[in-house]
């Protein structure tokens, strides 16, 4: 009985590798490009790293420098990093962006609608989406620099 319950709890994500990533549009908090909002479907043809996080989450904070380190290199190769904050206010997000000098787009899921759409449980949770709009990999938990780079290489446009 225990094995059945623990297995069903471990496999509660609806979206898996091979599924089409659900489309969404969110307001951008960071002012690192001229977009006020980002719509996932507008990025078709690019690889997308979709990271759900919060400023209060220490593992989330730990992986942000890795994302910042790799962003310029992979952005030039056709990959977009989107960090979706689950925080309540933009003020704490802006302070976090400034503290860590983040240059990739930071989006704000003010209602939790996108978190619910993607069935995100623990954070950080990251979806690696290929140029075809299909999810290539889902990672629950913090990424190491090496793991992040391998996952980004797997979603490079041809």
N, C-alpha and C. Protein backbone atom coordinates (compact mmCIF):
# COMPACT_ATOMS: atom_id res chain seq x y z
N UNK A 1 0.82 -1.20 0.00
CA UNK A 1 0.00 0.00 0.00
C UNK A 1 0.86 1.26 0.00
N UNK A 2 1.92 1.30 0.82
CA UNK A 2 2.78 2.48 0.90
C UNK A 2 3.39 2.80 -0.46
N UNK A 3 3.84 1.78 -1.16
CA UNK A 3 4.49 1.99 -2.46
C UNK A 3 3.52 2.63 -3.45
N UNK A 4 2.28 2.21 -3.44
CA UNK A 4 1.29 2.77 -4.36
C UNK A 4 1.04 4.24 -4.05
N UNK A 5 0.89 4.57 -2.77
CA UNK A 5 0.64 5.96 -2.37
C UNK A 5 1.83 6.84 -2.69
N UNK A 6 3.05 6.40 -2.35
CA UNK A 6 4.22 7.25 -2.59
C UNK A 6 4.49 7.41 -4.07
N UNK A 7 4.24 6.37 -4.87
CA UNK A 7 4.44 6.50 -6.31
C UNK A 7 3.43 7.44 -6.93
N UNK A 8 2.19 7.39 -6.47
CA UNK A 8 1.19 8.29 -7.05
C UNK A 8 1.47 9.73 -6.66
N UNK A 9 2.02 9.96 -5.49
CA UNK A 9 2.35 11.32 -5.08
C UNK A 9 3.58 11.84 -5.82
N UNK A 10 4.51 10.94 -6.11
CA UNK A 10 5.74 11.36 -6.79
C UNK A 10 5.48 11.75 -8.24
N UNK A 11 4.41 11.22 -8.82
CA UNK A 11 4.15 11.45 -10.23
C UNK A 11 2.87 12.27 -10.40
N UNK A 12 2.90 13.50 -9.89
CA UNK A 12 1.69 14.31 -9.93
C UNK A 12 1.74 15.42 -10.97
N UNK A 13 2.80 15.49 -11.77
CA UNK A 13 2.86 16.55 -12.77
C UNK A 13 2.11 16.09 -14.01
N UNK A 14 1.30 16.98 -14.52
CA UNK A 14 0.51 16.65 -15.70
C UNK A 14 1.36 16.78 -16.96
N UNK A 15 2.24 17.76 -16.98
CA UNK A 15 3.05 17.98 -18.17
C UNK A 15 4.40 17.30 -18.02
N UNK A 16 4.72 16.51 -19.04
CA UNK A 16 5.96 15.74 -19.04
C UNK A 16 6.70 15.96 -20.35
N UNK A 17 7.90 15.41 -20.41
CA UNK A 17 8.67 15.46 -21.64
C UNK A 17 7.83 14.91 -22.78
N UNK A 18 7.81 15.63 -23.89
CA UNK A 18 7.03 15.23 -25.06
C UNK A 18 5.72 15.97 -25.19
N UNK A 19 5.21 16.52 -24.09
CA UNK A 19 3.97 17.29 -24.14
C UNK A 19 4.23 18.69 -24.69
N UNK A 20 3.22 19.26 -25.32
CA UNK A 20 3.31 20.65 -25.76
C UNK A 20 3.17 21.55 -24.53
N UNK A 21 4.06 22.51 -24.40
CA UNK A 21 4.03 23.44 -23.27
C UNK A 21 2.81 24.35 -23.41
N UNK A 22 2.00 24.48 -22.35
CA UNK A 22 0.83 25.35 -22.44
C UNK A 22 1.24 26.82 -22.61
N UNK A 23 0.52 27.51 -23.46
CA UNK A 23 0.82 28.91 -23.74
C UNK A 23 0.33 29.79 -22.58
N UNK A 24 1.01 30.89 -22.40
CA UNK A 24 0.62 31.86 -21.38
C UNK A 24 1.22 33.21 -21.74
N UNK A 25 0.73 34.24 -21.08
CA UNK A 25 1.30 35.58 -21.19
C UNK A 25 1.41 36.16 -19.79
N UNK A 26 2.58 36.71 -19.47
CA UNK A 26 2.81 37.33 -18.16
C UNK A 26 3.54 38.65 -18.31
N UNK A 27 3.27 39.54 -17.37
CA UNK A 27 3.95 40.84 -17.31
C UNK A 27 5.40 40.64 -16.88
N UNK A 28 6.27 41.38 -17.53
CA UNK A 28 7.68 41.34 -17.18
C UNK A 28 7.97 42.36 -16.09
N UNK A 29 8.66 41.93 -15.04
CA UNK A 29 9.04 42.83 -13.95
C UNK A 29 10.35 43.51 -14.28
N UNK A 30 11.31 42.74 -14.79
CA UNK A 30 12.62 43.30 -15.11
C UNK A 30 12.53 44.16 -16.37
N UNK A 31 13.36 45.14 -16.44
CA UNK A 31 13.33 46.07 -17.59
C UNK A 31 14.56 45.85 -18.47
N UNK A 32 14.84 44.59 -18.78
CA UNK A 32 16.05 44.26 -19.52
C UNK A 32 15.85 44.19 -21.02
N UNK A 33 14.62 44.29 -21.45
CA UNK A 33 14.37 44.43 -22.88
C UNK A 33 13.10 45.26 -23.01
N UNK A 34 12.67 45.49 -24.24
CA UNK A 34 11.57 46.44 -24.44
C UNK A 34 10.19 45.82 -24.37
N UNK A 35 10.08 44.58 -23.92
CA UNK A 35 8.78 43.94 -23.83
C UNK A 35 8.14 44.21 -22.47
N UNK A 36 6.88 44.58 -22.48
CA UNK A 36 6.16 44.74 -21.22
C UNK A 36 5.66 43.41 -20.71
N UNK A 37 5.37 42.51 -21.64
CA UNK A 37 4.93 41.18 -21.26
C UNK A 37 5.55 40.18 -22.23
N UNK A 38 5.52 38.93 -21.83
CA UNK A 38 6.08 37.85 -22.64
C UNK A 38 4.99 36.81 -22.84
N UNK A 39 4.83 36.39 -24.09
CA UNK A 39 3.91 35.30 -24.40
C UNK A 39 4.75 34.13 -24.91
N UNK A 40 4.55 32.97 -24.30
CA UNK A 40 5.37 31.81 -24.63
C UNK A 40 5.30 31.49 -26.12
N UNK A 41 4.13 31.53 -26.72
CA UNK A 41 3.99 31.16 -28.14
C UNK A 41 4.78 32.09 -29.06
N UNK A 42 5.08 33.30 -28.61
CA UNK A 42 5.90 34.22 -29.41
C UNK A 42 7.36 33.76 -29.49
N UNK A 43 7.75 32.82 -28.64
CA UNK A 43 9.13 32.35 -28.61
C UNK A 43 9.32 31.04 -29.38
N UNK A 44 8.29 30.61 -30.11
CA UNK A 44 8.40 29.38 -30.89
C UNK A 44 9.60 29.51 -31.84
N UNK A 45 10.37 28.47 -31.96
CA UNK A 45 11.60 28.51 -32.76
C UNK A 45 12.83 28.73 -31.89
N UNK A 46 12.60 29.12 -30.64
CA UNK A 46 13.69 29.26 -29.67
C UNK A 46 13.56 28.17 -28.61
N UNK A 47 14.66 27.84 -27.97
CA UNK A 47 14.60 27.01 -26.79
C UNK A 47 14.20 27.91 -25.63
N UNK A 48 13.42 27.39 -24.69
CA UNK A 48 12.98 28.20 -23.55
C UNK A 48 13.21 27.42 -22.25
N UNK A 49 13.87 28.08 -21.33
CA UNK A 49 13.99 27.57 -19.96
C UNK A 49 12.96 28.34 -19.14
N UNK A 50 11.96 27.64 -18.63
CA UNK A 50 10.89 28.25 -17.85
C UNK A 50 11.08 27.83 -16.40
N UNK A 51 11.51 28.79 -15.57
CA UNK A 51 11.87 28.51 -14.18
C UNK A 51 10.88 29.17 -13.23
N UNK A 52 10.26 28.38 -12.37
CA UNK A 52 9.34 28.90 -11.35
C UNK A 52 10.11 29.01 -10.04
N UNK A 53 10.03 30.18 -9.40
CA UNK A 53 10.84 30.44 -8.22
C UNK A 53 10.19 31.49 -7.32
N UNK A 54 10.83 31.74 -6.18
CA UNK A 54 10.40 32.80 -5.26
C UNK A 54 11.61 33.37 -4.53
N UNK A 55 11.53 34.62 -4.14
CA UNK A 55 12.67 35.28 -3.48
C UNK A 55 12.98 34.67 -2.12
N UNK A 56 11.99 34.05 -1.48
CA UNK A 56 12.16 33.45 -0.16
C UNK A 56 12.80 32.07 -0.22
N UNK A 57 12.92 31.51 -1.41
CA UNK A 57 13.37 30.13 -1.62
C UNK A 57 14.90 30.11 -1.79
N UNK A 58 15.59 29.57 -0.79
CA UNK A 58 17.07 29.54 -0.83
C UNK A 58 17.62 28.72 -2.00
N UNK A 59 17.07 27.53 -2.31
CA UNK A 59 17.57 26.81 -3.49
C UNK A 59 17.35 27.60 -4.79
N UNK A 60 16.25 28.37 -4.85
CA UNK A 60 15.99 29.21 -6.03
C UNK A 60 17.08 30.27 -6.15
N UNK A 61 17.38 30.90 -5.03
CA UNK A 61 18.41 31.94 -5.02
C UNK A 61 19.76 31.37 -5.42
N UNK A 62 20.05 30.15 -4.97
CA UNK A 62 21.34 29.52 -5.26
C UNK A 62 21.55 29.27 -6.75
N UNK A 63 20.46 28.99 -7.50
CA UNK A 63 20.64 28.68 -8.92
C UNK A 63 20.61 29.92 -9.82
N UNK A 64 20.17 31.06 -9.29
CA UNK A 64 20.09 32.29 -10.10
C UNK A 64 21.45 32.71 -10.69
N UNK A 65 22.55 32.66 -9.93
CA UNK A 65 23.84 33.03 -10.55
C UNK A 65 24.21 32.12 -11.73
N UNK A 66 23.83 30.85 -11.67
CA UNK A 66 24.12 29.94 -12.79
C UNK A 66 23.32 30.36 -14.02
N UNK A 67 22.07 30.72 -13.81
CA UNK A 67 21.24 31.17 -14.92
C UNK A 67 21.82 32.45 -15.52
N UNK A 68 22.25 33.37 -14.65
CA UNK A 68 22.82 34.64 -15.13
C UNK A 68 24.13 34.40 -15.88
N UNK A 69 24.95 33.48 -15.39
CA UNK A 69 26.23 33.17 -16.03
C UNK A 69 26.02 32.64 -17.45
N UNK A 70 25.05 31.75 -17.61
CA UNK A 70 24.85 31.10 -18.91
C UNK A 70 23.95 31.88 -19.86
N UNK A 71 23.20 32.84 -19.34
CA UNK A 71 22.22 33.56 -20.18
C UNK A 71 22.84 34.22 -21.41
N UNK A 72 23.90 35.02 -21.28
CA UNK A 72 24.43 35.69 -22.50
C UNK A 72 24.87 34.69 -23.57
N UNK A 73 25.55 33.64 -23.16
CA UNK A 73 26.06 32.63 -24.10
C UNK A 73 24.91 31.95 -24.85
N UNK A 74 23.90 31.51 -24.12
CA UNK A 74 22.81 30.74 -24.74
C UNK A 74 21.76 31.64 -25.38
N UNK A 75 21.60 32.85 -24.90
CA UNK A 75 20.67 33.78 -25.54
C UNK A 75 21.11 34.04 -26.97
N UNK A 76 22.41 34.20 -27.16
CA UNK A 76 22.97 34.42 -28.50
C UNK A 76 22.79 33.21 -29.42
N UNK A 77 22.55 32.04 -28.83
CA UNK A 77 22.36 30.81 -29.62
C UNK A 77 20.88 30.47 -29.81
N UNK A 78 19.97 31.36 -29.34
CA UNK A 78 18.55 31.14 -29.58
C UNK A 78 17.78 30.53 -28.42
N UNK A 79 18.28 30.72 -27.20
CA UNK A 79 17.57 30.24 -26.02
C UNK A 79 17.16 31.42 -25.17
N UNK A 80 15.93 31.36 -24.66
CA UNK A 80 15.43 32.40 -23.75
C UNK A 80 15.23 31.78 -22.37
N UNK A 81 15.72 32.46 -21.35
CA UNK A 81 15.47 32.07 -19.97
C UNK A 81 14.36 32.96 -19.44
N UNK A 82 13.30 32.33 -18.94
CA UNK A 82 12.19 33.06 -18.33
C UNK A 82 12.06 32.60 -16.88
N UNK A 83 12.24 33.53 -15.95
CA UNK A 83 12.11 33.23 -14.54
C UNK A 83 10.77 33.76 -14.06
N UNK A 84 9.88 32.85 -13.67
CA UNK A 84 8.53 33.23 -13.25
C UNK A 84 8.48 33.29 -11.72
N UNK A 85 8.39 34.50 -11.21
CA UNK A 85 8.36 34.69 -9.76
C UNK A 85 6.96 34.45 -9.22
N UNK A 86 6.90 33.73 -8.09
CA UNK A 86 5.64 33.45 -7.42
C UNK A 86 5.45 34.35 -6.20
N UNK A 87 6.24 35.41 -6.11
CA UNK A 87 6.16 36.35 -4.99
C UNK A 87 4.87 37.16 -5.04
N UNK A 88 4.50 37.73 -3.90
CA UNK A 88 3.29 38.54 -3.81
C UNK A 88 3.45 39.93 -4.39
N UNK A 89 4.62 40.55 -4.22
CA UNK A 89 4.79 41.94 -4.65
C UNK A 89 5.99 42.11 -5.58
N UNK A 90 5.85 43.09 -6.46
CA UNK A 90 6.96 43.40 -7.37
C UNK A 90 8.13 44.02 -6.64
N UNK A 91 7.88 44.70 -5.53
CA UNK A 91 8.96 45.34 -4.78
C UNK A 91 10.03 44.33 -4.38
N UNK A 92 9.64 43.19 -3.81
CA UNK A 92 10.63 42.20 -3.39
C UNK A 92 11.34 41.58 -4.59
N UNK A 93 10.61 41.44 -5.70
CA UNK A 93 11.22 40.89 -6.92
C UNK A 93 12.27 41.87 -7.45
N UNK A 94 11.91 43.16 -7.52
CA UNK A 94 12.87 44.16 -8.00
C UNK A 94 14.12 44.22 -7.14
N UNK A 95 13.96 44.13 -5.84
CA UNK A 95 15.13 44.11 -4.94
C UNK A 95 16.01 42.90 -5.22
N UNK A 96 15.39 41.77 -5.46
CA UNK A 96 16.13 40.53 -5.76
C UNK A 96 16.89 40.68 -7.08
N UNK A 97 16.20 41.21 -8.10
CA UNK A 97 16.84 41.41 -9.41
C UNK A 97 18.05 42.32 -9.26
N UNK A 98 17.90 43.42 -8.52
CA UNK A 98 19.01 44.35 -8.31
C UNK A 98 20.14 43.71 -7.52
N UNK A 99 19.80 42.97 -6.49
CA UNK A 99 20.81 42.32 -5.63
C UNK A 99 21.68 41.36 -6.44
N UNK A 100 21.05 40.65 -7.38
CA UNK A 100 21.77 39.62 -8.15
C UNK A 100 22.12 40.05 -9.57
N UNK A 101 21.85 41.31 -9.92
CA UNK A 101 22.17 41.84 -11.26
C UNK A 101 21.66 40.93 -12.37
N UNK A 102 20.39 40.53 -12.29
CA UNK A 102 19.83 39.62 -13.28
C UNK A 102 19.49 40.35 -14.56
N UNK A 103 19.85 39.76 -15.69
CA UNK A 103 19.60 40.39 -16.98
C UNK A 103 18.58 39.62 -17.83
N UNK A 104 18.22 38.41 -17.43
CA UNK A 104 17.22 37.66 -18.19
C UNK A 104 15.82 38.10 -17.75
N UNK A 105 14.80 37.85 -18.59
CA UNK A 105 13.45 38.29 -18.26
C UNK A 105 12.91 37.62 -16.99
N UNK A 106 12.41 38.45 -16.08
CA UNK A 106 11.75 37.97 -14.87
C UNK A 106 10.28 38.35 -14.98
N UNK A 107 9.42 37.33 -14.91
CA UNK A 107 7.99 37.52 -15.06
C UNK A 107 7.32 37.34 -13.70
N UNK A 108 6.13 37.93 -13.54
CA UNK A 108 5.44 37.87 -12.26
C UNK A 108 4.10 37.19 -12.42
N UNK A 109 3.95 36.03 -11.76
CA UNK A 109 2.69 35.29 -11.76
C UNK A 109 1.89 35.75 -10.54
N UNK A 110 1.23 36.89 -10.68
CA UNK A 110 0.58 37.55 -9.54
C UNK A 110 -0.56 36.73 -8.94
N UNK A 111 -1.23 35.92 -9.76
CA UNK A 111 -2.40 35.18 -9.28
C UNK A 111 -2.12 33.70 -9.05
N UNK A 112 -0.95 33.21 -9.46
CA UNK A 112 -0.65 31.78 -9.36
C UNK A 112 -1.27 30.97 -10.49
N UNK A 113 -1.85 31.68 -11.46
CA UNK A 113 -2.54 31.00 -12.56
C UNK A 113 -1.57 30.16 -13.40
N UNK A 114 -0.38 30.69 -13.69
CA UNK A 114 0.57 29.95 -14.53
C UNK A 114 1.18 28.80 -13.73
N UNK A 115 1.45 29.03 -12.45
CA UNK A 115 1.92 27.96 -11.57
C UNK A 115 0.91 26.81 -11.59
N UNK A 116 -0.36 27.14 -11.49
CA UNK A 116 -1.41 26.11 -11.50
C UNK A 116 -1.52 25.45 -12.88
N UNK A 117 -1.40 26.24 -13.94
CA UNK A 117 -1.46 25.71 -15.30
C UNK A 117 -0.39 24.64 -15.51
N UNK A 118 0.81 24.89 -15.00
CA UNK A 118 1.93 23.96 -15.16
C UNK A 118 1.99 22.91 -14.04
N UNK A 119 1.04 22.99 -13.09
CA UNK A 119 0.99 22.04 -11.97
C UNK A 119 2.30 22.01 -11.19
N UNK A 120 2.84 23.18 -10.91
CA UNK A 120 4.10 23.29 -10.19
C UNK A 120 3.84 23.04 -8.71
N UNK A 121 4.60 22.13 -8.14
CA UNK A 121 4.53 21.84 -6.71
C UNK A 121 5.69 22.53 -6.01
N UNK A 122 6.76 21.78 -5.77
CA UNK A 122 7.91 22.38 -5.10
C UNK A 122 8.63 23.37 -6.02
N UNK A 123 9.23 24.37 -5.42
CA UNK A 123 10.07 25.27 -6.22
C UNK A 123 11.49 25.19 -5.68
N UNK A 124 12.48 25.41 -6.53
CA UNK A 124 12.33 25.73 -7.95
C UNK A 124 11.88 24.52 -8.77
N UNK A 125 11.13 24.82 -9.80
CA UNK A 125 10.74 23.84 -10.81
C UNK A 125 11.03 24.46 -12.17
N UNK A 126 11.65 23.67 -13.03
CA UNK A 126 12.09 24.20 -14.32
C UNK A 126 11.63 23.30 -15.45
N UNK A 127 11.07 23.94 -16.48
CA UNK A 127 10.64 23.25 -17.69
C UNK A 127 11.57 23.69 -18.82
N UNK A 128 12.19 22.72 -19.48
CA UNK A 128 13.04 23.02 -20.64
C UNK A 128 12.21 22.69 -21.88
N UNK A 129 11.95 23.72 -22.68
CA UNK A 129 11.04 23.63 -23.82
C UNK A 129 11.83 23.79 -25.11
N UNK A 130 11.66 22.85 -26.01
CA UNK A 130 12.39 22.89 -27.27
C UNK A 130 11.81 23.92 -28.22
N UNK A 131 12.55 24.20 -29.31
CA UNK A 131 12.10 25.17 -30.31
C UNK A 131 10.74 24.82 -30.93
N UNK A 132 10.35 23.55 -30.86
CA UNK A 132 9.07 23.11 -31.41
C UNK A 132 7.91 23.33 -30.43
N UNK A 133 8.21 23.89 -29.24
CA UNK A 133 7.17 24.15 -28.26
C UNK A 133 6.85 22.95 -27.37
N UNK A 134 7.61 21.87 -27.52
CA UNK A 134 7.38 20.68 -26.70
C UNK A 134 8.35 20.65 -25.52
N UNK A 135 7.84 20.18 -24.38
CA UNK A 135 8.67 20.06 -23.18
C UNK A 135 9.68 18.93 -23.40
N UNK A 136 10.94 19.24 -23.20
CA UNK A 136 12.00 18.25 -23.36
C UNK A 136 12.37 17.62 -22.02
N UNK A 137 12.23 18.43 -20.93
CA UNK A 137 12.65 17.95 -19.62
C UNK A 137 11.99 18.80 -18.54
N UNK A 138 11.67 18.17 -17.41
CA UNK A 138 11.15 18.87 -16.24
C UNK A 138 12.07 18.54 -15.07
N UNK A 139 12.54 19.58 -14.38
CA UNK A 139 13.41 19.39 -13.23
C UNK A 139 12.76 20.04 -12.01
N UNK A 140 12.48 19.24 -11.00
CA UNK A 140 11.98 19.75 -9.72
C UNK A 140 13.15 19.80 -8.76
N UNK A 141 13.44 21.00 -8.26
CA UNK A 141 14.59 21.19 -7.38
C UNK A 141 15.63 22.04 -8.06
N UNK A 142 16.64 22.42 -7.27
CA UNK A 142 17.68 23.34 -7.76
C UNK A 142 18.59 22.66 -8.77
N UNK A 143 19.06 23.45 -9.71
CA UNK A 143 19.97 23.00 -10.75
C UNK A 143 21.41 23.36 -10.38
N UNK A 144 22.33 22.47 -10.70
CA UNK A 144 23.75 22.82 -10.62
C UNK A 144 24.11 23.51 -11.94
N UNK A 145 25.24 24.16 -11.97
CA UNK A 145 25.70 24.82 -13.19
C UNK A 145 25.85 23.78 -14.32
N UNK A 146 26.42 22.65 -14.01
CA UNK A 146 26.66 21.61 -15.02
C UNK A 146 25.34 21.05 -15.56
N UNK A 147 24.40 20.77 -14.66
CA UNK A 147 23.10 20.23 -15.07
C UNK A 147 22.34 21.26 -15.92
N UNK A 148 22.39 22.52 -15.51
CA UNK A 148 21.73 23.58 -16.26
C UNK A 148 22.30 23.67 -17.66
N UNK A 149 23.61 23.65 -17.78
CA UNK A 149 24.22 23.77 -19.10
C UNK A 149 23.86 22.57 -19.99
N UNK A 150 23.88 21.37 -19.44
CA UNK A 150 23.49 20.18 -20.24
C UNK A 150 22.04 20.32 -20.72
N UNK A 151 21.16 20.77 -19.85
CA UNK A 151 19.75 20.92 -20.22
C UNK A 151 19.56 22.00 -21.28
N UNK A 152 20.30 23.09 -21.18
CA UNK A 152 20.22 24.15 -22.20
C UNK A 152 20.71 23.64 -23.55
N UNK A 153 21.76 22.82 -23.54
CA UNK A 153 22.29 22.28 -24.79
C UNK A 153 21.25 21.39 -25.48
N UNK A 154 20.39 20.75 -24.68
CA UNK A 154 19.36 19.86 -25.24
C UNK A 154 18.21 20.59 -25.90
N UNK A 155 18.10 21.92 -25.68
CA UNK A 155 16.98 22.66 -26.29
C UNK A 155 17.48 23.70 -27.29
N UNK A 156 18.73 23.58 -27.71
CA UNK A 156 19.26 24.52 -28.71
C UNK A 156 18.52 24.37 -30.04
N UNK A 157 18.18 25.50 -30.67
CA UNK A 157 17.60 25.42 -32.02
C UNK A 157 18.63 24.83 -32.99
N UNK A 158 18.15 24.14 -34.01
CA UNK A 158 19.04 23.53 -35.01
C UNK A 158 19.75 24.60 -35.82
